[in-house]
N, C-alpha and C. Protein backbone atom coordinates (compact mmCIF):
# COMPACT_ATOMS: atom_id res chain seq x y z
N MET A 1 -4.86 5.69 3.58
CA MET A 1 -3.88 4.74 4.09
C MET A 1 -2.72 5.50 4.56
N VAL A 2 -2.31 4.87 5.77
CA VAL A 2 -1.00 5.61 6.46
C VAL A 2 -0.01 4.42 6.68
N HIS A 3 1.30 4.87 6.52
CA HIS A 3 2.51 3.77 6.71
C HIS A 3 3.11 4.51 8.10
N LEU A 4 2.93 3.74 9.12
CA LEU A 4 3.38 4.26 10.57
C LEU A 4 4.80 3.54 10.86
N ILE A 5 5.61 4.47 11.03
CA ILE A 5 7.09 3.78 11.28
C ILE A 5 7.70 4.20 12.53
N GLN A 6 7.92 3.15 13.23
CA GLN A 6 8.40 3.16 14.69
C GLN A 6 9.94 3.25 14.62
N ILE A 7 10.75 4.38 14.93
CA ILE A 7 12.01 4.51 15.03
C ILE A 7 12.56 4.39 16.32
N GLU A 8 13.61 3.56 16.62
CA GLU A 8 14.04 3.39 17.97
C GLU A 8 13.15 2.50 18.67
N ASN A 9 13.47 1.90 19.82
CA ASN A 9 12.81 0.77 20.31
C ASN A 9 12.60 1.09 21.93
N SER A 10 12.76 2.30 22.33
CA SER A 10 12.53 2.70 23.71
C SER A 10 10.97 2.30 24.00
N ASN A 11 10.88 2.06 25.34
CA ASN A 11 9.33 1.97 25.65
C ASN A 11 8.41 3.08 25.44
N LYS A 12 8.80 4.22 25.34
CA LYS A 12 7.89 5.42 25.16
C LYS A 12 7.71 5.35 23.68
N VAL A 13 8.47 5.22 22.75
CA VAL A 13 8.33 5.31 21.66
C VAL A 13 7.38 4.12 21.03
N LYS A 14 7.69 2.81 21.72
CA LYS A 14 6.87 1.82 21.33
C LYS A 14 5.38 1.94 21.63
N LYS A 15 5.36 2.48 22.95
CA LYS A 15 3.79 2.78 23.56
C LYS A 15 3.00 3.74 22.71
N VAL A 16 3.84 4.70 22.38
CA VAL A 16 2.97 5.81 21.58
C VAL A 16 2.54 5.38 20.32
N ALA A 17 3.50 4.61 19.56
CA ALA A 17 3.51 4.21 18.34
C ALA A 17 2.22 3.12 18.30
N GLU A 18 2.31 2.29 19.24
CA GLU A 18 1.26 1.30 19.09
C GLU A 18 -0.12 1.84 19.46
N LYS A 19 -0.20 2.95 20.57
CA LYS A 19 -1.37 3.71 20.64
C LYS A 19 -1.86 4.14 19.55
N LEU A 20 -1.19 4.95 18.79
CA LEU A 20 -1.38 5.69 17.39
C LEU A 20 -1.94 4.63 16.47
N TYR A 21 -1.32 3.53 16.34
CA TYR A 21 -1.73 2.45 15.44
C TYR A 21 -3.22 2.13 15.77
N LYS A 22 -3.43 1.85 17.02
CA LYS A 22 -4.70 1.49 17.46
C LYS A 22 -5.91 2.42 17.25
N ASP A 23 -5.33 3.61 17.73
CA ASP A 23 -6.22 4.87 17.37
C ASP A 23 -6.65 5.05 15.95
N LEU A 24 -5.63 4.98 15.18
CA LEU A 24 -5.94 5.31 13.80
C LEU A 24 -7.11 4.13 13.26
N GLN A 25 -6.63 2.97 13.52
CA GLN A 25 -7.57 1.85 13.18
C GLN A 25 -9.14 1.95 13.59
N LYS A 26 -9.16 2.49 14.96
CA LYS A 26 -10.61 3.04 15.32
C LYS A 26 -11.25 3.87 14.51
N GLN A 27 -10.46 4.87 13.83
CA GLN A 27 -11.06 5.79 13.33
C GLN A 27 -11.28 5.47 11.73
N GLY A 28 -10.95 4.14 11.42
CA GLY A 28 -11.21 3.70 10.12
C GLY A 28 -10.14 3.93 9.16
N ILE A 29 -8.91 4.35 9.58
CA ILE A 29 -7.77 4.63 8.83
C ILE A 29 -7.07 3.43 8.59
N GLU A 30 -6.62 2.93 7.44
CA GLU A 30 -6.04 1.68 7.20
C GLU A 30 -4.47 1.97 7.57
N VAL A 31 -3.68 1.15 8.27
CA VAL A 31 -2.41 1.32 8.68
C VAL A 31 -1.66 0.16 8.46
N LEU A 32 -0.27 0.37 7.81
CA LEU A 32 0.55 -0.50 7.85
C LEU A 32 1.73 -0.08 8.91
N TYR A 33 2.03 -0.79 9.84
CA TYR A 33 2.69 -0.27 10.92
C TYR A 33 4.17 -1.09 10.94
N ASP A 34 5.06 -0.44 10.61
CA ASP A 34 6.48 -1.03 10.70
C ASP A 34 7.28 -0.93 12.09
N GLU A 35 7.18 -1.92 12.77
CA GLU A 35 8.01 -1.98 14.18
C GLU A 35 9.06 -2.83 14.12
N ARG A 36 9.45 -3.17 13.01
CA ARG A 36 10.80 -4.01 12.87
C ARG A 36 11.90 -3.32 13.71
N GLN A 37 12.67 -4.38 14.29
CA GLN A 37 13.91 -3.86 14.92
C GLN A 37 15.17 -4.22 14.24
N ASP A 38 15.24 -5.02 13.16
CA ASP A 38 16.24 -5.42 12.40
C ASP A 38 16.52 -4.43 11.42
N LYS A 39 15.71 -3.24 11.16
CA LYS A 39 16.04 -2.40 10.21
C LYS A 39 16.37 -1.15 10.66
N THR A 40 17.38 -0.31 10.22
CA THR A 40 17.69 0.99 10.27
C THR A 40 16.52 2.00 9.89
N ALA A 41 16.69 3.23 10.60
CA ALA A 41 15.73 4.27 10.19
C ALA A 41 15.76 4.37 8.60
N GLY A 42 16.81 4.64 8.05
CA GLY A 42 16.81 4.74 6.59
C GLY A 42 16.34 3.91 5.94
N GLU A 43 16.61 2.53 6.18
CA GLU A 43 15.91 1.50 5.51
C GLU A 43 14.50 1.33 5.53
N LYS A 44 14.05 1.68 6.63
CA LYS A 44 12.51 1.68 6.84
C LYS A 44 11.84 2.98 5.89
N LEU A 45 12.59 4.22 5.90
CA LEU A 45 12.14 5.14 5.10
C LEU A 45 12.09 5.02 3.62
N VAL A 46 13.37 4.24 3.18
CA VAL A 46 13.45 3.91 1.83
C VAL A 46 12.35 3.02 1.26
N GLU A 47 12.21 2.09 2.25
CA GLU A 47 11.11 0.93 1.86
C GLU A 47 9.70 1.77 1.78
N ALA A 48 9.60 2.65 2.81
CA ALA A 48 8.08 3.21 2.96
C ALA A 48 7.99 3.92 1.56
N ASP A 49 9.05 4.68 0.94
CA ASP A 49 8.77 5.48 -0.37
C ASP A 49 8.54 4.44 -1.48
N LEU A 50 9.15 3.23 -1.34
CA LEU A 50 9.02 2.24 -2.62
C LEU A 50 7.50 1.47 -2.28
N ILE A 51 7.11 1.39 -1.29
CA ILE A 51 5.70 0.83 -1.15
C ILE A 51 4.71 1.79 -1.61
N GLY A 52 4.91 3.08 -1.38
CA GLY A 52 4.03 4.04 -1.99
C GLY A 52 2.81 4.42 -1.29
N ILE A 53 2.61 4.20 -0.03
CA ILE A 53 1.49 4.45 0.76
C ILE A 53 1.24 5.96 0.76
N PRO A 54 0.01 6.61 0.69
CA PRO A 54 0.03 8.17 0.54
C PRO A 54 0.60 8.77 1.75
N TYR A 55 0.68 8.40 3.06
CA TYR A 55 1.02 9.12 4.02
C TYR A 55 2.07 8.23 4.82
N ARG A 56 3.21 8.86 5.17
CA ARG A 56 4.27 8.26 6.05
C ARG A 56 4.09 9.02 7.36
N VAL A 57 4.15 8.19 8.73
CA VAL A 57 4.06 8.71 9.83
C VAL A 57 5.15 8.29 10.69
N VAL A 58 6.08 9.02 11.18
CA VAL A 58 7.09 8.58 11.93
C VAL A 58 7.31 8.97 13.35
N VAL A 59 7.41 7.85 14.34
CA VAL A 59 7.33 8.19 15.74
C VAL A 59 8.85 7.85 16.26
N SER A 60 9.46 8.85 16.87
CA SER A 60 10.87 8.58 17.28
C SER A 60 11.00 9.33 18.51
N GLU A 61 12.12 9.44 19.14
CA GLU A 61 12.71 9.96 20.15
C GLU A 61 12.59 11.36 19.86
N LYS A 62 13.08 11.79 19.00
CA LYS A 62 13.17 13.24 18.18
C LYS A 62 11.79 13.86 18.11
N THR A 63 10.88 13.24 17.43
CA THR A 63 9.65 13.84 17.38
C THR A 63 8.80 13.84 18.76
N LEU A 64 8.87 12.86 19.63
CA LEU A 64 8.21 12.80 20.75
C LEU A 64 8.63 13.77 21.71
N ALA A 65 10.04 14.30 21.67
CA ALA A 65 10.60 15.41 22.43
C ALA A 65 9.82 16.75 22.25
N LYS A 66 9.13 16.77 21.17
CA LYS A 66 8.22 17.97 20.70
C LYS A 66 6.68 17.56 20.86
N ASN A 67 6.44 16.42 21.45
CA ASN A 67 5.02 15.94 21.73
C ASN A 67 4.41 15.83 20.26
N SER A 68 5.09 15.23 19.28
CA SER A 68 4.78 15.35 17.86
C SER A 68 5.10 14.11 17.09
N VAL A 69 4.54 13.99 15.72
CA VAL A 69 4.99 12.98 15.11
C VAL A 69 5.22 13.75 13.72
N GLU A 70 6.12 12.89 12.86
CA GLU A 70 6.34 13.55 11.54
C GLU A 70 5.57 13.03 10.63
N ILE A 71 4.78 13.68 9.75
CA ILE A 71 4.03 13.21 8.54
C ILE A 71 4.46 13.76 7.20
N LYS A 72 4.60 12.98 6.35
CA LYS A 72 5.11 13.22 5.17
C LYS A 72 4.12 12.61 3.95
N GLU A 73 3.60 13.64 3.17
CA GLU A 73 2.74 13.03 1.94
C GLU A 73 3.42 12.59 0.90
N ARG A 74 3.10 11.47 0.33
CA ARG A 74 3.75 10.85 -0.98
C ARG A 74 3.79 11.93 -1.94
N GLY A 75 4.80 12.06 -2.62
CA GLY A 75 5.03 12.97 -3.82
C GLY A 75 5.41 14.32 -3.43
N LYS A 76 5.58 14.85 -2.30
CA LYS A 76 5.96 15.98 -1.66
C LYS A 76 7.06 15.94 -0.94
N SER A 77 7.95 16.82 -1.03
CA SER A 77 9.27 16.93 -0.28
C SER A 77 9.21 17.21 1.11
N GLN A 78 8.26 18.04 1.40
CA GLN A 78 7.91 18.75 2.73
C GLN A 78 7.58 17.73 3.78
N VAL A 79 8.17 17.78 4.86
CA VAL A 79 7.86 16.94 6.00
C VAL A 79 7.24 17.76 7.07
N LYS A 80 6.07 17.49 7.64
CA LYS A 80 5.25 18.32 8.64
C LYS A 80 5.51 17.61 9.84
N ILE A 81 5.76 18.46 11.03
CA ILE A 81 5.83 18.00 12.35
C ILE A 81 4.41 18.57 12.90
N VAL A 82 3.54 17.44 13.30
CA VAL A 82 2.17 17.46 13.77
C VAL A 82 2.17 17.12 15.17
N LYS A 83 1.59 18.05 16.00
CA LYS A 83 1.39 17.57 17.44
C LYS A 83 0.66 16.17 17.50
N LEU A 84 0.99 15.51 18.43
CA LEU A 84 0.41 14.07 18.50
C LEU A 84 -0.97 14.07 18.62
N ARG A 85 -1.52 14.95 19.52
CA ARG A 85 -3.00 15.07 19.77
C ARG A 85 -3.70 15.46 18.49
N SER A 86 -3.05 16.09 17.43
CA SER A 86 -3.80 16.60 16.14
C SER A 86 -3.49 15.45 15.06
N ALA A 87 -2.68 14.50 15.22
CA ALA A 87 -2.31 13.70 14.19
C ALA A 87 -3.45 12.80 13.50
N ILE A 88 -4.24 12.33 14.24
CA ILE A 88 -5.48 11.53 13.70
C ILE A 88 -6.36 12.49 12.90
N ASN A 89 -6.69 13.63 13.50
CA ASN A 89 -7.50 14.48 12.74
C ASN A 89 -6.73 14.87 11.36
N PHE A 90 -5.46 15.27 11.50
CA PHE A 90 -4.80 15.69 10.26
C PHE A 90 -4.90 14.76 9.26
N LEU A 91 -4.76 13.42 9.74
CA LEU A 91 -4.84 12.27 8.88
C LEU A 91 -6.11 11.92 8.12
N LYS A 92 -7.22 12.01 9.09
CA LYS A 92 -8.55 11.61 8.89
C LYS A 92 -9.10 12.62 7.99
N TYR A 93 -9.03 13.81 7.69
CA TYR A 93 -9.63 14.70 6.94
C TYR A 93 -8.77 15.04 5.71
N ARG A 94 -7.85 14.24 5.41
CA ARG A 94 -6.95 14.32 4.08
C ARG A 94 -7.68 13.60 2.95
């Protein structure tokens, strides 16, 4: 299961996050998609930790500048920057 978090509401971030959401579902990966606009990035990240889904995926202007997403596994402190084209396979085979 994946907690997909959209940070910022630019058209680019929104389109990429929505496509990733649909693509993950097509691969049979259960996704909780946080696209709320009334919460800050910090609030979303704290709530993601409290909910406790195994993987957190963040799509933001910062990550998209590197054509990547940020992936963090629950219980680990390290955040991985994974190329967008590899993100689904990275999550699918975990």
